[in-house]
Amino acid sequence: MMQQPPTGDPGQPGRTDDPSRTAIPDLPDRVAAIYGDEDLSTVPAFAGGFINFGYWARLPDIADRPLTEADRVRSEQDLYRVVLSTFDRPQGRTALEVGCGRGLGCVLALQEFGLGTVIGLDAHPDQIARARKTHEALLTELGAATDPTRSHLDFVRGAAQRIPLPDATVDCLYSVEAAQHFRDLPAFAREAARVLRPGGRLALTTFFARDHHAARALPELLPAYADGLDVPHVIDDAAATLAAAGLGDVRVQAIGDAVWEGYDLYMAQRPELRDKWPRRYLTAYETGLLDYYVITATAPEAAGDGAAGTATAAASRAR
């Protein structure tokens, strides 16, 4: 994501060479640290704890007035709304969020989009513990409900490349600003295709390198790529990977014009944030190195349709 706390001196918590840190399966050390002891959701850049850059187009006149913490939280919620709005008639359906963090987006999906069941998946045990603690009352309420038509919420620990759910379990699979951490995108794509029901939909959003030249250049500009937190996946490769896994109708939409400037404006107006290196993301966007994207795809309607769809699937980009 963005604002990393300083890593400190050798031997202090948060460094990848900290001998006291226990490795977490499926997570690189830097990812384990920043979502563990450092708890990225508590830093000022992530007011509200959602941990995403935000979608600012639905906030009116942001250039003409000071931005508030409430604006920041709304931008993070609106990014979820952009993704969840790609699902047609989600009411009563089962959804899986990959990389759920504190589970705030899961609850938004449940309460605003009428989903029947939302499962939050995260590879970090601390994040699952935080999600369960944050939503303890709601989990208790929904778990105690005897009405089978009531909504359901659950949080499960698991990796994107090995989703611990049976085949054809979910109608909607979404991920918000997590795929930049995935070391094995092809495995995630195969797992997504496996757990989606026939005709189910995938929607993910995050930042990707625009091309391979950009992917090589990004670590020089952004420490998150240099220290192993993020992977500079290339957008065309990501879309092709979903198609190769058997998902069809792969579509890519660039939304950076509604992400980068609003986020940077918020940072610039806050003394504790204005000089931080995450403002370089706007530079990366303006120089053509990366952008923010929404990718959607559909699982084949029937088991026999996947082979033909894979051979002809193409990513269409809306710029």
C-alpha atoms as a PDB file:
ATOM      1  CA  MET A   1       0.000   0.000   0.000  1.00  0.00           C
ATOM      2  CA  MET A   2       1.375   3.385   0.887  1.00  0.00           C
ATOM      3  CA  GLN A   3       2.642   5.013   4.025  1.00  0.00           C
ATOM      4  CA  GLN A   4       5.159   2.674   5.601  1.00  0.00           C
ATOM      5  CA  PRO A   5       6.347   3.461   9.118  1.00  0.00           C
ATOM      6  CA  PRO A   6      10.163   3.746   9.291  1.00  0.00           C
ATOM      7  CA  THR A   7      11.889   0.395   9.510  1.00  0.00           C
ATOM      8  CA  GLY A   8      14.256   1.549  12.266  1.00  0.00           C
ATOM      9  CA  ASP A   9      17.672   0.145  13.123  1.00  0.00           C
ATOM     10  CA  PRO A  10      18.789  -3.474  12.714  1.00  0.00           C
ATOM     11  CA  GLY A  11      17.148  -5.714  15.270  1.00  0.00           C
ATOM     12  CA  GLN A  12      14.124  -3.493  15.823  1.00  0.00           C
ATOM     13  CA  PRO A  13      10.613  -4.742  14.991  1.00  0.00           C
ATOM     14  CA  GLY A  14       9.605  -4.090  11.414  1.00  0.00           C
ATOM     15  CA  ARG A  15      12.919  -4.884   9.784  1.00  0.00           C
ATOM     16  CA  THR A  16      13.202  -7.958   7.610  1.00  0.00           C
ATOM     17  CA  ASP A  17      16.436  -8.879   9.429  1.00  0.00           C
ATOM     18  CA  ASP A  18      14.796  -8.903  12.869  1.00  0.00           C
ATOM     19  CA  PRO A  19      15.858 -12.283  14.318  1.00  0.00           C
ATOM     20  CA  SER A  20      12.946 -12.292  16.780  1.00  0.00           C
ATOM     21  CA  ARG A  21      10.299 -12.212  14.067  1.00  0.00           C
ATOM     22  CA  THR A  22       8.565 -15.486  13.247  1.00  0.00           C
ATOM     23  CA  ALA A  23       7.976 -16.039   9.556  1.00  0.00           C
ATOM     24  CA  ILE A  24       4.372 -16.302   8.415  1.00  0.00           C
ATOM     25  CA  PRO A  25       3.666 -18.861   5.689  1.00  0.00           C
ATOM     26  CA  ASP A  26       2.740 -17.373   2.293  1.00  0.00           C
ATOM     27  CA  LEU A  27       3.859 -13.867   3.302  1.00  0.00           C
ATOM     28  CA  PRO A  28       7.188 -12.157   2.538  1.00  0.00           C
ATOM     29  CA  ASP A  29       8.802 -10.715   5.655  1.00  0.00           C
ATOM     30  CA  ARG A  30       8.077  -7.087   4.726  1.00  0.00           C
ATOM     31  CA  VAL A  31       4.395  -7.811   4.113  1.00  0.00           C
ATOM     32  CA  ALA A  32       4.175  -9.787   7.346  1.00  0.00           C
ATOM     33  CA  ALA A  33       5.731  -6.917   9.302  1.00  0.00           C
ATOM     34  CA  ILE A  34       3.690  -4.068   7.906  1.00  0.00           C
ATOM     35  CA  TYR A  35       0.358  -5.826   8.434  1.00  0.00           C
ATOM     36  CA  GLY A  36       1.488  -7.320  11.733  1.00  0.00           C
ATOM     37  CA  ASP A  37       3.249  -5.341  14.454  1.00  0.00           C
ATOM     38  CA  GLU A  38       3.322  -2.128  12.407  1.00  0.00           C
ATOM     39  CA  ASP A  39      -0.429  -2.331  11.645  1.00  0.00           C
ATOM     40  CA  LEU A  40      -0.633  -0.164   8.548  1.00  0.00           C
ATOM     41  CA  SER A  41      -4.313   0.540   9.162  1.00  0.00           C
ATOM     42  CA  THR A  42      -3.417   2.802  12.086  1.00  0.00           C
ATOM     43  CA  VAL A  43      -1.177   5.312  10.248  1.00  0.00           C
ATOM     44  CA  PRO A  44      -2.638   8.771   9.461  1.00  0.00           C
ATOM     45  CA  ALA A  45      -2.690   8.230   5.698  1.00  0.00           C
ATOM     46  CA  PHE A  46      -5.317   5.518   6.209  1.00  0.00           C
ATOM     47  CA  ALA A  47      -7.918   7.305   8.267  1.00  0.00           C
ATOM     48  CA  GLY A  48     -10.690   4.848   8.997  1.00  0.00           C
ATOM     49  CA  GLY A  49      -8.479   1.793   8.563  1.00  0.00           C
ATOM     50  CA  PHE A  50      -9.442   0.703   5.040  1.00  0.00           C
ATOM     51  CA  ILE A  51      -5.852   0.846   3.692  1.00  0.00           C
ATOM     52  CA  ASN A  52      -6.396   2.067   0.140  1.00  0.00           C
ATOM     53  CA  PHE A  53      -5.632   5.190  -1.878  1.00  0.00           C
ATOM     54  CA  GLY A  54      -9.291   6.050  -2.275  1.00  0.00           C
ATOM     55  CA  TYR A  55     -11.587   7.005  -5.130  1.00  0.00           C
ATOM     56  CA  TRP A  56     -12.154  10.763  -5.087  1.00  0.00           C
ATOM     57  CA  ALA A  57     -14.467  11.447  -8.045  1.00  0.00           C
ATOM     58  CA  ARG A  58     -17.595  11.143  -5.908  1.00  0.00           C
ATOM     59  CA  LEU A  59     -16.425  13.872  -3.541  1.00  0.00           C
ATOM     60  CA  PRO A  60     -17.512  17.248  -4.975  1.00  0.00           C
ATOM     61  CA  ASP A  61     -15.247  20.272  -5.220  1.00  0.00           C
ATOM     62  CA  ILE A  62     -12.251  18.698  -3.516  1.00  0.00           C
ATOM     63  CA  ALA A  63      -9.903  21.183  -5.187  1.00  0.00           C
ATOM     64  CA  ASP A  64     -11.858  24.166  -3.834  1.00  0.00           C
ATOM     65  CA  ARG A  65     -11.905  23.388  -0.112  1.00  0.00           C
ATOM     66  CA  PRO A  66      -9.801  21.806   2.617  1.00  0.00           C
ATOM     67  CA  LEU A  67     -10.089  18.043   2.732  1.00  0.00           C
ATOM     68  CA  THR A  68     -11.137  16.450   6.000  1.00  0.00           C
ATOM     69  CA  GLU A  69     -10.533  13.084   7.585  1.00  0.00           C
ATOM     70  CA  ALA A  70     -14.158  12.290   6.777  1.00  0.00           C
ATOM     71  CA  ASP A  71     -13.362  12.930   3.104  1.00  0.00           C
ATOM     72  CA  ARG A  72     -10.474  10.488   3.329  1.00  0.00           C
ATOM     73  CA  VAL A  73     -12.660   7.781   4.828  1.00  0.00           C
ATOM     74  CA  ARG A  74     -15.337   8.426   2.224  1.00  0.00           C
ATOM     75  CA  SER A  75     -12.764   8.074  -0.567  1.00  0.00           C
ATOM     76  CA  GLU A  76     -11.737   4.654   0.766  1.00  0.00           C
ATOM     77  CA  GLN A  77     -15.353   3.548   1.025  1.00  0.00           C
ATOM     78  CA  ASP A  78     -16.071   4.838  -2.475  1.00  0.00           C
ATOM     79  CA  LEU A  79     -13.283   2.704  -3.917  1.00  0.00           C
ATOM     80  CA  TYR A  80     -15.116  -0.319  -2.548  1.00  0.00           C
ATOM     81  CA  ARG A  81     -18.366   0.984  -4.017  1.00  0.00           C
ATOM     82  CA  VAL A  82     -16.747   1.293  -7.456  1.00  0.00           C
ATOM     83  CA  VAL A  83     -15.679  -2.350  -7.308  1.00  0.00           C
ATOM     84  CA  LEU A  84     -18.856  -3.745  -5.808  1.00  0.00           C
ATOM     85  CA  SER A  85     -20.988  -1.852  -8.326  1.00  0.00           C
ATOM     86  CA  THR A  86     -19.558  -4.063 -11.073  1.00  0.00           C
ATOM     87  CA  PHE A  87     -21.616  -6.997  -9.767  1.00  0.00           C
ATOM     88  CA  ASP A  88     -25.027  -7.386 -11.369  1.00  0.00           C
ATOM     89  CA  ARG A  89     -27.849  -8.042  -8.880  1.00  0.00           C
ATOM     90  CA  PRO A  90     -25.661  -9.068  -5.922  1.00  0.00           C
ATOM     91  CA  GLN A  91     -28.599  -9.325  -3.515  1.00  0.00           C
ATOM     92  CA  GLY A  92     -28.596 -12.627  -1.657  1.00  0.00           C
ATOM     93  CA  ARG A  93     -25.430 -13.886  -3.352  1.00  0.00           C
ATOM     94  CA  THR A  94     -22.214 -15.158  -1.783  1.00  0.00           C
ATOM     95  CA  ALA A  95     -19.101 -12.980  -2.042  1.00  0.00           C
ATOM     96  CA  LEU A  96     -15.443 -13.474  -1.170  1.00  0.00           C
ATOM     97  CA  GLU A  97     -13.047 -10.597  -0.512  1.00  0.00           C
ATOM     98  CA  VAL A  98      -9.397 -11.580  -1.028  1.00  0.00           C
ATOM     99  CA  GLY A  99      -7.192  -9.454   1.198  1.00  0.00           C
ATOM    100  CA  CYS A 100      -9.908  -8.247   3.553  1.00  0.00           C
ATOM    101  CA  GLY A 101      -7.717  -6.586   6.202  1.00  0.00           C
ATOM    102  CA  ARG A 102      -9.892  -5.375   9.083  1.00  0.00           C
ATOM    103  CA  GLY A 103     -13.031  -6.457   7.242  1.00  0.00           C
ATOM    104  CA  LEU A 104     -14.437  -2.953   6.841  1.00  0.00           C
ATOM    105  CA  GLY A 105     -15.093  -3.508   3.142  1.00  0.00           C
ATOM    106  CA  CYS A 106     -16.809  -6.813   3.877  1.00  0.00           C
ATOM    107  CA  VAL A 107     -19.301  -5.092   6.142  1.00  0.00           C
ATOM    108  CA  LEU A 108     -19.866  -2.329   3.589  1.00  0.00           C
ATOM    109  CA  ALA A 109     -20.562  -4.991   0.958  1.00  0.00           C
ATOM    110  CA  LEU A 110     -22.973  -6.777   3.268  1.00  0.00           C
ATOM    111  CA  GLN A 111     -24.876  -3.707   4.403  1.00  0.00           C
ATOM    112  CA  GLU A 112     -24.985  -1.607   1.232  1.00  0.00           C
ATOM    113  CA  PHE A 113     -25.165  -4.219  -1.528  1.00  0.00           C
ATOM    114  CA  GLY A 114     -27.478  -6.791   0.044  1.00  0.00           C
ATOM    115  CA  LEU A 115     -25.211  -9.790  -0.317  1.00  0.00           C
ATOM    116  CA  GLY A 116     -26.366 -12.927   1.432  1.00  0.00           C
ATOM    117  CA  THR A 117     -22.939 -14.032   2.643  1.00  0.00           C
ATOM    118  CA  VAL A 118     -19.603 -12.231   2.666  1.00  0.00           C
ATOM    119  CA  ILE A 119     -16.395 -14.117   3.451  1.00  0.00           C
ATOM    120  CA  GLY A 120     -13.289 -12.084   4.209  1.00  0.00           C
ATOM    121  CA  LEU A 121      -9.997 -13.840   3.420  1.00  0.00           C
ATOM    122  CA  ASP A 122      -6.580 -12.627   4.543  1.00  0.00           C
ATOM    123  CA  ALA A 123      -3.204 -14.348   4.736  1.00  0.00           C
ATOM    124  CA  HIS A 124      -2.103 -12.468   7.843  1.00  0.00           C
ATOM    125  CA  PRO A 125      -3.363 -13.912  11.147  1.00  0.00           C
ATOM    126  CA  ASP A 126      -3.226 -10.490  12.809  1.00  0.00           C
ATOM    127  CA  GLN A 127      -5.569  -9.041  10.209  1.00  0.00           C
ATOM    128  CA  ILE A 128      -8.073 -11.836  10.679  1.00  0.00           C
ATOM    129  CA  ALA A 129      -7.896 -11.317  14.449  1.00  0.00           C
ATOM    130  CA  ARG A 130      -8.473  -7.576  13.999  1.00  0.00           C
ATOM    131  CA  ALA A 131     -11.407  -8.182  11.676  1.00  0.00           C
ATOM    132  CA  ARG A 132     -13.053 -10.547  14.135  1.00  0.00           C
ATOM    133  CA  LYS A 133     -12.498  -8.154  17.030  1.00  0.00           C
ATOM    134  CA  THR A 134     -13.654  -5.079  15.092  1.00  0.00           C
ATOM    135  CA  HIS A 135     -16.891  -6.763  14.024  1.00  0.00           C
ATOM    136  CA  GLU A 136     -17.440  -8.965  17.069  1.00  0.00           C
ATOM    137  CA  ALA A 137     -20.912  -7.620  17.772  1.00  0.00           C
ATOM    138  CA  LEU A 138     -22.075  -8.037  14.179  1.00  0.00           C
ATOM    139  CA  LEU A 139     -20.595 -11.526  13.936  1.00  0.00           C
ATOM    140  CA  THR A 140     -22.431 -12.481  17.123  1.00  0.00           C
ATOM    141  CA  GLU A 141     -25.688 -10.978  15.901  1.00  0.00           C
ATOM    142  CA  LEU A 142     -25.565 -12.676  12.517  1.00  0.00           C
ATOM    143  CA  GLY A 143     -24.334 -15.954  13.978  1.00  0.00           C
ATOM    144  CA  ALA A 144     -27.214 -16.030  16.430  1.00  0.00           C
ATOM    145  CA  ALA A 145     -29.843 -15.341  13.784  1.00  0.00           C
ATOM    146  CA  THR A 146     -32.158 -18.284  13.172  1.00  0.00           C
ATOM    147  CA  ASP A 147     -33.743 -16.781  10.057  1.00  0.00           C
ATOM    148  CA  PRO A 148     -32.079 -18.519   7.065  1.00  0.00           C
ATOM    149  CA  THR A 149     -32.711 -15.444   4.933  1.00  0.00           C
ATOM    150  CA  ARG A 150     -30.508 -13.284   7.178  1.00  0.00           C
ATOM    151  CA  SER A 151     -27.094 -12.215   5.941  1.00  0.00           C
ATOM    152  CA  HIS A 152     -23.943 -13.976   7.063  1.00  0.00           C
ATOM    153  CA  LEU A 153     -20.374 -12.748   7.657  1.00  0.00           C
ATOM    154  CA  ASP A 154     -17.212 -14.746   8.198  1.00  0.00           C
ATOM    155  CA  PHE A 155     -13.453 -14.172   8.272  1.00  0.00           C
ATOM    156  CA  VAL A 156     -11.049 -16.900   7.178  1.00  0.00           C
ATOM    157  CA  ARG A 157      -7.282 -17.035   7.121  1.00  0.00           C
ATOM    158  CA  GLY A 158      -5.838 -18.120   3.798  1.00  0.00           C
ATOM    159  CA  ALA A 159      -3.590 -17.155   0.911  1.00  0.00           C
ATOM    160  CA  ALA A 160      -4.731 -15.785  -2.434  1.00  0.00           C
ATOM    161  CA  GLN A 161      -2.892 -18.583  -4.227  1.00  0.00           C
ATOM    162  CA  ARG A 162      -4.525 -21.279  -2.071  1.00  0.00           C
ATOM    163  CA  ILE A 163      -8.041 -20.199  -1.213  1.00  0.00           C
ATOM    164  CA  PRO A 164      -9.419 -22.544   1.489  1.00  0.00           C
ATOM    165  CA  LEU A 165     -12.880 -22.897  -0.034  1.00  0.00           C
ATOM    166  CA  PRO A 166     -14.468 -25.706  -2.070  1.00  0.00           C
ATOM    167  CA  ASP A 167     -14.950 -25.474  -5.828  1.00  0.00           C
ATOM    168  CA  ALA A 168     -17.809 -23.314  -7.127  1.00  0.00           C
ATOM    169  CA  THR A 169     -18.495 -21.692  -3.751  1.00  0.00           C
ATOM    170  CA  VAL A 170     -18.956 -17.983  -4.473  1.00  0.00           C
ATOM    171  CA  ASP A 171     -20.875 -15.835  -6.937  1.00  0.00           C
ATOM    172  CA  CYS A 172     -18.741 -12.712  -6.528  1.00  0.00           C
ATOM    173  CA  LEU A 173     -15.011 -12.516  -5.833  1.00  0.00           C
ATOM    174  CA  TYR A 174     -13.444  -9.115  -5.265  1.00  0.00           C
ATOM    175  CA  SER A 175     -10.159  -7.657  -4.057  1.00  0.00           C
ATOM    176  CA  VAL A 176      -9.382  -4.033  -3.216  1.00  0.00           C
ATOM    177  CA  GLU A 177      -5.757  -2.896  -3.258  1.00  0.00           C
ATOM    178  CA  ALA A 178      -4.264  -6.249  -2.359  1.00  0.00           C
ATOM    179  CA  ALA A 179      -3.137  -7.809  -5.662  1.00  0.00           C
ATOM    180  CA  GLN A 180       0.078  -5.755  -5.687  1.00  0.00           C
ATOM    181  CA  HIS A 181       1.206  -8.025  -2.834  1.00  0.00           C
ATOM    182  CA  PHE A 182       0.448 -11.296  -4.665  1.00  0.00           C
ATOM    183  CA  ARG A 183       3.678 -13.066  -5.594  1.00  0.00           C
ATOM    184  CA  ASP A 184       1.910 -15.656  -7.747  1.00  0.00           C
ATOM    185  CA  LEU A 185      -0.793 -14.008  -9.869  1.00  0.00           C
ATOM    186  CA  PRO A 186      -1.333 -17.110 -12.048  1.00  0.00           C
ATOM    187  CA  ALA A 187      -2.081 -19.202  -8.950  1.00  0.00           C
ATOM    188  CA  PHE A 188      -4.524 -16.563  -7.694  1.00  0.00           C
ATOM    189  CA  ALA A 189      -6.218 -16.488 -11.094  1.00  0.00           C
ATOM    190  CA  ARG A 190      -6.607 -20.273 -11.115  1.00  0.00           C
ATOM    191  CA  GLU A 191      -7.990 -20.234  -7.590  1.00  0.00           C
ATOM    192  CA  ALA A 192     -10.431 -17.477  -8.470  1.00  0.00           C
ATOM    193  CA  ALA A 193     -11.660 -19.478 -11.460  1.00  0.00           C
ATOM    194  CA  ARG A 194     -11.986 -22.559  -9.258  1.00  0.00           C
ATOM    195  CA  VAL A 195     -14.021 -21.057  -6.409  1.00  0.00           C
ATOM    196  CA  LEU A 196     -16.348 -19.003  -8.617  1.00  0.00           C
ATOM    197  CA  ARG A 197     -19.641 -20.587  -9.571  1.00  0.00           C
ATOM    198  CA  PRO A 198     -20.521 -20.805 -13.282  1.00  0.00           C
ATOM    199  CA  GLY A 199     -21.249 -17.285 -14.436  1.00  0.00           C
ATOM    200  CA  GLY A 200     -19.717 -15.811 -11.285  1.00  0.00           C
ATOM    201  CA  ARG A 201     -17.880 -12.509 -11.460  1.00  0.00           C
ATOM    202  CA  LEU A 202     -14.458 -11.323 -10.399  1.00  0.00           C
ATOM    203  CA  ALA A 203     -13.573  -7.671  -9.748  1.00  0.00           C
ATOM    204  CA  LEU A 204     -10.295  -6.381  -8.428  1.00  0.00           C
ATOM    205  CA  THR A 205      -8.703  -2.994  -8.176  1.00  0.00           C
ATOM    206  CA  THR A 206      -5.168  -1.883  -7.428  1.00  0.00           C
ATOM    207  CA  PHE A 207      -2.181  -0.143  -9.006  1.00  0.00           C
ATOM    208  CA  PHE A 208      -0.173  -1.831 -11.765  1.00  0.00           C
ATOM    209  CA  ALA A 209       2.855  -0.930 -13.867  1.00  0.00           C
ATOM    210  CA  ARG A 210       1.868   0.231 -17.332  1.00  0.00           C
ATOM    211  CA  ASP A 211       4.515  -1.846 -19.123  1.00  0.00           C
ATOM    212  CA  HIS A 212       7.672  -3.859 -18.504  1.00  0.00           C
ATOM    213  CA  HIS A 213       9.947  -0.837 -18.764  1.00  0.00           C
ATOM    214  CA  ALA A 214       7.892   0.848 -16.037  1.00  0.00           C
ATOM    215  CA  ALA A 215       8.028  -2.276 -13.882  1.00  0.00           C
ATOM    216  CA  ARG A 216      11.832  -2.144 -13.972  1.00  0.00           C
ATOM    217  CA  ALA A 217      11.885   1.581 -13.159  1.00  0.00           C
ATOM    218  CA  LEU A 218       9.408   1.649 -10.268  1.00  0.00           C
ATOM    219  CA  PRO A 219      11.743   0.300  -7.528  1.00  0.00           C
ATOM    220  CA  GLU A 220      14.022   3.303  -8.092  1.00  0.00           C
ATOM    221  CA  LEU A 221      11.172   5.696  -7.318  1.00  0.00           C
ATOM    222  CA  LEU A 222       9.007   3.876  -4.777  1.00  0.00           C
ATOM    223  CA  PRO A 223      10.486   2.118  -1.715  1.00  0.00           C
ATOM    224  CA  ALA A 224       7.508  -0.228  -1.483  1.00  0.00           C
ATOM    225  CA  TYR A 225       8.765  -1.976  -4.612  1.00  0.00           C
ATOM    226  CA  ALA A 226      12.399  -1.869  -3.550  1.00  0.00           C
ATOM    227  CA  ASP A 227      11.907  -3.424  -0.117  1.00  0.00           C
ATOM    228  CA  GLY A 228       9.642  -6.281  -1.164  1.00  0.00           C
ATOM    229  CA  LEU A 229       6.313  -4.942   0.020  1.00  0.00           C
ATOM    230  CA  ASP A 230       4.797  -4.662  -3.465  1.00  0.00           C
ATOM    231  CA  VAL A 231       5.377  -6.413  -6.787  1.00  0.00           C
ATOM    232  CA  PRO A 232       5.399  -4.282  -9.990  1.00  0.00           C
ATOM    233  CA  HIS A 233       2.933  -6.434 -11.915  1.00  0.00           C
ATOM    234  CA  VAL A 234       2.247  -5.198 -15.456  1.00  0.00           C
ATOM    235  CA  ILE A 235      -1.408  -4.513 -16.226  1.00  0.00           C
ATOM    236  CA  ASP A 236      -1.519  -6.383 -19.548  1.00  0.00           C
ATOM    237  CA  ASP A 237       0.128  -9.409 -17.951  1.00  0.00           C
ATOM    238  CA  ALA A 238      -2.409  -9.382 -15.108  1.00  0.00           C
ATOM    239  CA  ALA A 239      -5.332  -9.311 -17.525  1.00  0.00           C
ATOM    240  CA  ALA A 240      -3.819 -12.059 -19.686  1.00  0.00           C
ATOM    241  CA  THR A 241      -3.260 -14.178 -16.583  1.00  0.00           C
ATOM    242  CA  LEU A 242      -6.958 -14.097 -15.729  1.00  0.00           C
ATOM    243  CA  ALA A 243      -7.866 -15.108 -19.273  1.00  0.00           C
ATOM    244  CA  ALA A 244      -5.319 -17.946 -19.220  1.00  0.00           C
ATOM    245  CA  ALA A 245      -6.954 -19.296 -16.060  1.00  0.00           C
ATOM    246  CA  GLY A 246     -10.236 -19.731 -17.934  1.00  0.00           C
ATOM    247  CA  LEU A 247     -12.020 -16.531 -16.999  1.00  0.00           C
ATOM    248  CA  GLY A 248     -13.789 -14.755 -19.823  1.00  0.00           C
ATOM    249  CA  ASP A 249     -14.812 -11.231 -20.766  1.00  0.00           C
ATOM    250  CA  VAL A 250     -11.712  -9.783 -19.085  1.00  0.00           C
ATOM    251  CA  ARG A 251     -12.040  -6.005 -19.014  1.00  0.00           C
ATOM    252  CA  VAL A 252      -9.625  -3.360 -17.776  1.00  0.00           C
ATOM    253  CA  GLN A 253     -10.540   0.191 -16.837  1.00  0.00           C
ATOM    254  CA  ALA A 254      -8.011   2.821 -15.788  1.00  0.00           C
ATOM    255  CA  ILE A 255      -9.351   4.999 -12.969  1.00  0.00           C
ATOM    256  CA  GLY A 256      -6.180   6.819 -11.967  1.00  0.00           C
ATOM    257  CA  ASP A 257      -7.631  10.221 -12.801  1.00  0.00           C
ATOM    258  CA  ALA A 258     -10.019   9.712  -9.867  1.00  0.00           C
ATOM    259  CA  VAL A 259      -7.388   8.308  -7.490  1.00  0.00           C
ATOM    260  CA  TRP A 260      -3.949   9.869  -7.589  1.00  0.00           C
ATOM    261  CA  GLU A 261      -4.567  13.610  -7.528  1.00  0.00           C
ATOM    262  CA  GLY A 262      -7.208  13.470  -4.805  1.00  0.00           C
ATOM    263  CA  TYR A 263      -5.012  11.322  -2.600  1.00  0.00           C
ATOM    264  CA  ASP A 264      -2.003  13.569  -3.138  1.00  0.00           C
ATOM    265  CA  LEU A 265      -4.073  16.667  -2.417  1.00  0.00           C
ATOM    266  CA  TYR A 266      -5.157  15.171   0.903  1.00  0.00           C
ATOM    267  CA  MET A 267      -1.529  14.372   1.774  1.00  0.00           C
ATOM    268  CA  ALA A 268      -0.393  17.872   0.812  1.00  0.00           C
ATOM    269  CA  GLN A 269      -2.880  19.526   3.158  1.00  0.00           C
ATOM    270  CA  ARG A 270      -1.781  17.640   6.265  1.00  0.00           C
ATOM    271  CA  PRO A 271       1.528  18.614   7.913  1.00  0.00           C
ATOM    272  CA  GLU A 272       2.167  15.075   9.168  1.00  0.00           C
ATOM    273  CA  LEU A 273       1.843  13.670   5.639  1.00  0.00           C
ATOM    274  CA  ARG A 274       2.905  16.317   3.128  1.00  0.00           C
ATOM    275  CA  ASP A 275       6.602  15.411   3.019  1.00  0.00           C
ATOM    276  CA  LYS A 276       6.186  11.653   2.985  1.00  0.00           C
ATOM    277  CA  TRP A 277       7.503   9.533   0.135  1.00  0.00           C
ATOM    278  CA  PRO A 278       4.080   8.073  -0.811  1.00  0.00           C
ATOM    279  CA  ARG A 279       3.436  11.340  -2.643  1.00  0.00           C
ATOM    280  CA  ARG A 280       5.775   9.931  -5.295  1.00  0.00           C
ATOM    281  CA  TYR A 281       2.879   7.798  -6.521  1.00  0.00           C
ATOM    282  CA  LEU A 282       1.485  10.886  -8.237  1.00  0.00           C
ATOM    283  CA  THR A 283       4.882  11.357  -9.889  1.00  0.00           C
ATOM    284  CA  ALA A 284       4.835   7.725 -11.042  1.00  0.00           C
ATOM    285  CA  TYR A 285       1.376   8.268 -12.513  1.00  0.00           C
ATOM    286  CA  GLU A 286       2.225  11.545 -14.216  1.00  0.00           C
ATOM    287  CA  THR A 287       5.392  10.093 -15.755  1.00  0.00           C
ATOM    288  CA  GLY A 288       3.543   7.084 -17.140  1.00  0.00           C
ATOM    289  CA  LEU A 289       5.016   4.394 -14.898  1.00  0.00           C
ATOM    290  CA  LEU A 290       1.857   3.154 -13.215  1.00  0.00           C
ATOM    291  CA  ASP A 291      -1.873   3.692 -12.972  1.00  0.00           C
ATOM    292  CA  TYR A 292      -4.811   2.488 -10.947  1.00  0.00           C
ATOM    293  CA  TYR A 293      -7.133  -0.060 -12.577  1.00  0.00           C
ATOM    294  CA  VAL A 294     -10.350  -1.990 -12.141  1.00  0.00           C
ATOM    295  CA  ILE A 295     -10.274  -5.450 -13.735  1.00  0.00           C
ATOM    296  CA  THR A 296     -13.404  -7.567 -14.136  1.00  0.00           C
ATOM    297  CA  ALA A 297     -13.892 -11.070 -15.496  1.00  0.00           C
ATOM    298  CA  THR A 298     -16.519 -13.813 -15.636  1.00  0.00           C
ATOM    299  CA  ALA A 299     -16.383 -17.531 -14.920  1.00  0.00           C
ATOM    300  CA  PRO A 300     -17.650 -19.783 -17.753  1.00  0.00           C
ATOM    301  CA  GLU A 301     -21.356 -20.574 -17.619  1.00  0.00           C
ATOM    302  CA  ALA A 302     -20.737 -24.298 -18.015  1.00  0.00           C
ATOM    303  CA  ALA A 303     -17.785 -26.569 -17.352  1.00  0.00           C
ATOM    304  CA  GLY A 304     -17.199 -27.211 -21.035  1.00  0.00           C
ATOM    305  CA  ASP A 305     -17.042 -23.579 -22.050  1.00  0.00           C
ATOM    306  CA  GLY A 306     -13.694 -22.719 -20.485  1.00  0.00           C
ATOM    307  CA  ALA A 307     -11.310 -24.081 -23.130  1.00  0.00           C
ATOM    308  CA  ALA A 308     -12.786 -22.150 -26.024  1.00  0.00           C
ATOM    309  CA  GLY A 309     -13.094 -19.030 -23.918  1.00  0.00           C
ATOM    310  CA  THR A 310      -9.493 -19.214 -22.819  1.00  0.00           C
ATOM    311  CA  ALA A 311      -8.238 -19.452 -26.390  1.00  0.00           C
ATOM    312  CA  THR A 312     -10.062 -16.346 -27.531  1.00  0.00           C
ATOM    313  CA  ALA A 313     -10.249 -14.176 -24.390  1.00  0.00           C
ATOM    314  CA  ALA A 314      -8.796 -10.713 -24.789  1.00  0.00           C
ATOM    315  CA  ALA A 315      -8.499  -7.855 -22.361  1.00  0.00           C
ATOM    316  CA  SER A 316     -10.204  -4.683 -23.512  1.00  0.00           C
ATOM    317  CA  ARG A 317      -8.949  -1.454 -21.991  1.00  0.00           C
ATOM    318  CA  ALA A 318     -11.060   1.615 -21.345  1.00  0.00           C
ATOM    319  CA  ARG A 319      -8.703   4.541 -20.945  1.00  0.00           C
END
